[in-house]
N, C-alpha and C. Protein backbone atom coordinates (compact mmCIF):
# COMPACT_ATOMS: atom_id res chain seq x y z
N MET A 1 6.10 -5.06 16.80
CA MET A 1 6.18 -6.43 16.39
C MET A 1 6.54 -7.33 17.58
N LYS A 2 7.19 -6.76 18.57
CA LYS A 2 7.51 -7.56 19.76
C LYS A 2 6.25 -8.05 20.45
N SER A 3 5.16 -7.30 20.30
CA SER A 3 3.90 -7.69 20.94
C SER A 3 3.17 -8.78 20.17
N GLY A 4 3.71 -9.18 19.02
CA GLY A 4 3.10 -10.25 18.24
C GLY A 4 2.29 -9.77 17.05
N ASP A 5 2.18 -8.46 16.87
CA ASP A 5 1.46 -7.96 15.71
C ASP A 5 2.19 -8.35 14.43
N ARG A 6 1.43 -8.85 13.45
CA ARG A 6 2.03 -9.23 12.17
C ARG A 6 1.52 -8.36 11.03
N ALA A 7 0.59 -7.45 11.34
CA ALA A 7 0.08 -6.54 10.32
C ALA A 7 -0.29 -5.23 11.01
N PHE A 8 0.20 -4.13 10.44
CA PHE A 8 -0.11 -2.83 11.03
C PHE A 8 0.10 -1.72 10.01
N LEU A 9 -0.43 -0.55 10.32
CA LEU A 9 -0.29 0.64 9.48
C LEU A 9 0.45 1.71 10.26
N VAL A 10 1.22 2.50 9.56
CA VAL A 10 1.88 3.66 10.13
C VAL A 10 1.53 4.83 9.25
N SER A 11 0.99 5.89 9.84
CA SER A 11 0.63 7.05 9.04
C SER A 11 1.29 8.30 9.60
N GLY A 12 1.44 9.29 8.74
CA GLY A 12 2.06 10.53 9.19
C GLY A 12 2.01 11.59 8.12
N ASP A 13 2.40 12.78 8.51
CA ASP A 13 2.48 13.90 7.58
C ASP A 13 3.88 13.92 6.96
N VAL A 14 3.94 14.30 5.70
CA VAL A 14 5.21 14.39 4.99
C VAL A 14 5.39 15.85 4.58
N TYR A 15 6.56 16.39 4.86
CA TYR A 15 6.89 17.77 4.51
C TYR A 15 8.11 17.75 3.61
N ARG A 16 7.97 18.34 2.44
CA ARG A 16 9.09 18.39 1.48
C ARG A 16 9.45 19.85 1.21
N ARG A 17 10.62 20.03 0.67
CA ARG A 17 11.08 21.38 0.33
C ARG A 17 10.75 21.72 -1.12
N ASP A 18 9.64 21.23 -1.61
CA ASP A 18 9.24 21.50 -2.99
C ASP A 18 8.62 22.88 -3.09
N THR A 19 8.66 23.42 -4.29
CA THR A 19 8.03 24.70 -4.56
C THR A 19 6.54 24.47 -4.79
N VAL A 20 5.72 25.29 -4.17
CA VAL A 20 4.27 25.20 -4.36
C VAL A 20 3.93 25.73 -5.74
N ASP A 21 3.14 24.97 -6.50
CA ASP A 21 2.62 25.44 -7.77
C ASP A 21 1.20 24.90 -7.93
N VAL A 22 0.64 25.04 -9.11
CA VAL A 22 -0.75 24.65 -9.33
C VAL A 22 -1.00 23.17 -9.08
N THR A 23 0.00 22.34 -9.34
CA THR A 23 -0.20 20.89 -9.22
C THR A 23 0.51 20.25 -8.03
N HIS A 24 1.30 21.02 -7.29
CA HIS A 24 2.08 20.43 -6.20
C HIS A 24 1.96 21.24 -4.92
N PHE A 25 1.87 20.52 -3.83
CA PHE A 25 1.90 21.12 -2.51
C PHE A 25 2.85 20.27 -1.68
N PRO A 26 3.80 20.86 -0.99
CA PRO A 26 4.85 20.07 -0.35
C PRO A 26 4.47 19.35 0.95
N ILE A 27 3.21 19.37 1.29
CA ILE A 27 2.76 18.67 2.50
C ILE A 27 1.66 17.69 2.10
N PHE A 28 1.81 16.44 2.54
CA PHE A 28 0.78 15.45 2.24
C PHE A 28 0.81 14.36 3.30
N HIS A 29 -0.18 13.51 3.28
CA HIS A 29 -0.25 12.39 4.23
C HIS A 29 0.23 11.13 3.54
N GLN A 30 0.94 10.32 4.28
CA GLN A 30 1.45 9.06 3.73
C GLN A 30 1.18 7.94 4.72
N MET A 31 0.83 6.78 4.19
CA MET A 31 0.57 5.63 5.05
C MET A 31 1.36 4.44 4.52
N GLU A 32 2.01 3.75 5.42
CA GLU A 32 2.76 2.55 5.08
C GLU A 32 2.08 1.36 5.73
N GLY A 33 1.96 0.28 5.00
CA GLY A 33 1.37 -0.93 5.54
C GLY A 33 2.41 -2.03 5.63
N VAL A 34 2.37 -2.79 6.71
CA VAL A 34 3.31 -3.89 6.91
C VAL A 34 2.51 -5.15 7.22
N ARG A 35 2.88 -6.25 6.59
CA ARG A 35 2.31 -7.53 6.93
C ARG A 35 3.40 -8.58 6.82
N VAL A 36 3.59 -9.33 7.88
CA VAL A 36 4.58 -10.39 7.90
C VAL A 36 3.84 -11.70 7.68
N PHE A 37 4.18 -12.39 6.61
CA PHE A 37 3.56 -13.67 6.31
C PHE A 37 4.31 -14.78 7.02
N THR A 38 3.58 -15.76 7.51
CA THR A 38 4.18 -16.93 8.14
C THR A 38 3.64 -18.19 7.47
N SER A 39 4.16 -19.32 7.87
CA SER A 39 3.69 -20.59 7.31
C SER A 39 2.24 -20.89 7.70
N ASP A 40 1.69 -20.16 8.67
CA ASP A 40 0.30 -20.35 9.08
C ASP A 40 -0.70 -19.63 8.17
N ASP A 41 -0.21 -18.73 7.32
CA ASP A 41 -1.09 -17.97 6.44
C ASP A 41 -1.63 -18.86 5.32
N PRO A 42 -2.87 -18.60 4.90
CA PRO A 42 -3.50 -19.45 3.87
C PRO A 42 -3.00 -19.13 2.46
N ILE A 43 -1.73 -19.37 2.21
CA ILE A 43 -1.14 -19.14 0.89
C ILE A 43 -1.29 -20.43 0.09
N PRO A 44 -1.83 -20.34 -1.12
CA PRO A 44 -2.02 -21.55 -1.93
C PRO A 44 -0.71 -22.31 -2.15
N ASP A 45 -0.76 -23.63 -1.98
CA ASP A 45 0.43 -24.47 -2.16
C ASP A 45 1.02 -24.33 -3.56
N SER A 46 0.18 -24.06 -4.54
CA SER A 46 0.66 -23.96 -5.92
C SER A 46 1.64 -22.81 -6.11
N LEU A 47 1.68 -21.85 -5.16
CA LEU A 47 2.57 -20.71 -5.30
C LEU A 47 3.92 -20.92 -4.64
N ALA A 48 4.04 -21.94 -3.83
CA ALA A 48 5.24 -22.13 -3.02
C ALA A 48 6.52 -22.23 -3.84
N GLU A 49 6.44 -22.75 -5.04
CA GLU A 49 7.64 -22.97 -5.84
C GLU A 49 7.91 -21.87 -6.85
N ASN A 50 6.99 -20.94 -7.00
CA ASN A 50 7.15 -19.92 -8.03
C ASN A 50 7.18 -18.54 -7.38
N GLU A 51 8.36 -17.95 -7.31
CA GLU A 51 8.54 -16.66 -6.63
C GLU A 51 7.76 -15.54 -7.29
N GLN A 52 7.68 -15.52 -8.61
CA GLN A 52 6.96 -14.46 -9.31
C GLN A 52 5.46 -14.55 -9.04
N ASP A 53 4.90 -15.75 -9.09
CA ASP A 53 3.48 -15.92 -8.77
C ASP A 53 3.20 -15.53 -7.33
N MET A 54 4.10 -15.88 -6.42
CA MET A 54 3.94 -15.52 -5.01
C MET A 54 3.96 -14.00 -4.84
N SER A 55 4.84 -13.34 -5.56
CA SER A 55 4.93 -11.88 -5.50
C SER A 55 3.61 -11.24 -5.95
N HIS A 56 3.04 -11.75 -7.04
CA HIS A 56 1.76 -11.22 -7.53
C HIS A 56 0.64 -11.51 -6.52
N TRP A 57 0.65 -12.66 -5.89
CA TRP A 57 -0.36 -13.00 -4.90
C TRP A 57 -0.29 -12.03 -3.72
N VAL A 58 0.93 -11.73 -3.26
CA VAL A 58 1.12 -10.79 -2.15
C VAL A 58 0.66 -9.39 -2.55
N GLN A 59 1.00 -8.97 -3.77
CA GLN A 59 0.56 -7.65 -4.25
C GLN A 59 -0.96 -7.56 -4.26
N ASN A 60 -1.62 -8.58 -4.78
CA ASN A 60 -3.08 -8.58 -4.84
C ASN A 60 -3.69 -8.59 -3.45
N ASP A 61 -3.09 -9.34 -2.52
CA ASP A 61 -3.57 -9.35 -1.14
C ASP A 61 -3.45 -7.96 -0.52
N MET A 62 -2.32 -7.29 -0.76
CA MET A 62 -2.11 -5.95 -0.23
C MET A 62 -3.13 -4.97 -0.82
N LYS A 63 -3.31 -5.02 -2.13
CA LYS A 63 -4.28 -4.12 -2.77
C LYS A 63 -5.68 -4.34 -2.22
N LYS A 64 -6.09 -5.59 -2.09
CA LYS A 64 -7.43 -5.91 -1.58
C LYS A 64 -7.60 -5.37 -0.15
N THR A 65 -6.57 -5.54 0.67
CA THR A 65 -6.63 -5.06 2.05
C THR A 65 -6.72 -3.55 2.11
N LEU A 66 -5.88 -2.85 1.34
CA LEU A 66 -5.89 -1.38 1.37
C LEU A 66 -7.16 -0.81 0.75
N GLU A 67 -7.68 -1.46 -0.28
CA GLU A 67 -8.94 -1.00 -0.87
C GLU A 67 -10.08 -1.18 0.14
N GLY A 68 -10.08 -2.28 0.89
CA GLY A 68 -11.09 -2.49 1.92
C GLY A 68 -11.01 -1.43 2.99
N MET A 69 -9.79 -1.09 3.43
CA MET A 69 -9.62 -0.05 4.43
C MET A 69 -10.09 1.30 3.90
N THR A 70 -9.72 1.61 2.67
CA THR A 70 -10.11 2.89 2.06
C THR A 70 -11.63 3.00 1.96
N ASN A 71 -12.29 1.94 1.52
CA ASN A 71 -13.75 1.96 1.41
C ASN A 71 -14.41 2.04 2.79
N ARG A 72 -13.78 1.47 3.78
CA ARG A 72 -14.32 1.54 5.15
C ARG A 72 -14.25 2.98 5.67
N ILE A 73 -13.16 3.68 5.36
CA ILE A 73 -12.98 5.06 5.83
C ILE A 73 -13.83 6.04 5.04
N PHE A 74 -13.80 5.96 3.70
CA PHE A 74 -14.44 6.96 2.85
C PHE A 74 -15.78 6.53 2.27
N GLY A 75 -16.18 5.28 2.50
CA GLY A 75 -17.36 4.75 1.84
C GLY A 75 -16.95 4.22 0.47
N PRO A 76 -17.90 3.67 -0.29
CA PRO A 76 -17.54 3.12 -1.61
C PRO A 76 -17.00 4.21 -2.54
N VAL A 77 -15.75 4.07 -2.93
CA VAL A 77 -15.13 5.03 -3.84
C VAL A 77 -14.38 4.28 -4.93
N GLN A 78 -14.19 4.96 -6.05
CA GLN A 78 -13.40 4.40 -7.14
C GLN A 78 -11.93 4.64 -6.81
N ILE A 79 -11.14 3.59 -6.73
CA ILE A 79 -9.73 3.70 -6.38
C ILE A 79 -8.91 3.38 -7.63
N ARG A 80 -7.96 4.24 -7.91
CA ARG A 80 -7.05 4.02 -9.04
C ARG A 80 -5.65 3.79 -8.48
N TRP A 81 -5.02 2.70 -8.88
CA TRP A 81 -3.66 2.38 -8.43
C TRP A 81 -2.65 2.91 -9.43
N VAL A 82 -1.62 3.56 -8.92
CA VAL A 82 -0.50 4.02 -9.75
C VAL A 82 0.73 3.31 -9.23
N VAL A 83 1.32 2.47 -10.07
CA VAL A 83 2.50 1.71 -9.67
C VAL A 83 3.73 2.57 -9.89
N SER A 84 4.57 2.65 -8.86
CA SER A 84 5.78 3.45 -8.93
C SER A 84 6.78 2.81 -9.87
N VAL A 85 7.38 3.62 -10.73
CA VAL A 85 8.43 3.11 -11.61
C VAL A 85 9.80 3.28 -10.96
N GLN A 86 9.84 3.95 -9.82
CA GLN A 86 11.09 4.10 -9.09
C GLN A 86 11.43 2.81 -8.37
N PHE A 87 12.71 2.55 -8.21
CA PHE A 87 13.14 1.39 -7.46
C PHE A 87 13.49 1.82 -6.05
N PHE A 88 12.86 1.19 -5.07
CA PHE A 88 13.15 1.45 -3.67
C PHE A 88 13.86 0.22 -3.13
N PHE A 89 15.04 0.41 -2.62
CA PHE A 89 15.93 -0.69 -2.27
C PHE A 89 15.32 -1.72 -1.32
N PHE A 90 14.58 -1.29 -0.32
CA PHE A 90 14.15 -2.22 0.72
C PHE A 90 12.82 -2.90 0.46
N PHE A 91 12.11 -2.51 -0.56
CA PHE A 91 10.83 -3.18 -0.80
C PHE A 91 10.45 -3.15 -2.26
N PHE A 92 9.67 -4.14 -2.60
CA PHE A 92 9.06 -4.19 -3.92
C PHE A 92 7.61 -4.50 -3.68
N PHE A 93 6.95 -4.01 -4.25
CA PHE A 93 5.87 -3.35 -4.87
C PHE A 93 5.66 -2.02 -4.17
N SER A 94 5.69 -1.01 -4.94
CA SER A 94 5.40 0.33 -4.43
C SER A 94 4.29 0.89 -5.29
N GLY A 95 3.21 1.26 -4.66
CA GLY A 95 2.08 1.81 -5.39
C GLY A 95 1.44 2.95 -4.63
N THR A 96 0.68 3.72 -5.35
CA THR A 96 -0.05 4.85 -4.77
C THR A 96 -1.50 4.70 -5.16
N THR A 97 -2.39 4.99 -4.21
CA THR A 97 -3.81 4.99 -4.56
C THR A 97 -4.23 6.42 -4.84
N LYS A 98 -5.04 6.56 -5.84
CA LYS A 98 -5.60 7.87 -6.19
C LYS A 98 -7.09 7.81 -5.96
N LEU A 99 -7.60 8.77 -5.20
CA LEU A 99 -9.02 8.85 -4.90
C LEU A 99 -9.65 10.00 -5.67
N PRO A 100 -10.97 9.98 -5.85
CA PRO A 100 -11.63 11.07 -6.58
C PRO A 100 -11.39 12.41 -5.89
N ARG A 101 -11.30 13.47 -6.66
CA ARG A 101 -11.06 14.81 -6.13
C ARG A 101 -12.12 15.25 -5.12
N THR A 102 -13.31 14.71 -5.23
CA THR A 102 -14.39 15.13 -4.33
C THR A 102 -14.09 14.77 -2.88
N LEU A 103 -13.13 13.87 -2.63
CA LEU A 103 -12.77 13.50 -1.27
C LEU A 103 -11.67 14.37 -0.70
N ARG A 104 -11.03 15.16 -1.54
CA ARG A 104 -9.91 15.96 -1.06
C ARG A 104 -10.37 17.25 -0.46
């Protein structure tokens, strides 16, 4: 961020101490996306006063961006979003994308 980047991805392998079974494997890939919004971003003025509407706008922007990246990498695919019901202290909206099994 010191270099001026306001949007970036961080990816890596995740290793857990879970037991391997038919539906679980303790190693997977995870990607985190970061975007810092500034007053220069084209955010509709109508959202400035409503925090909930702004939150939904940011969520939709994030989904659109990640879906575009996913389609760029894998080609046109059906993406299913699963919203986490867990609360993570440092961020809100937490979601997972599910891709068709044929890509795995």
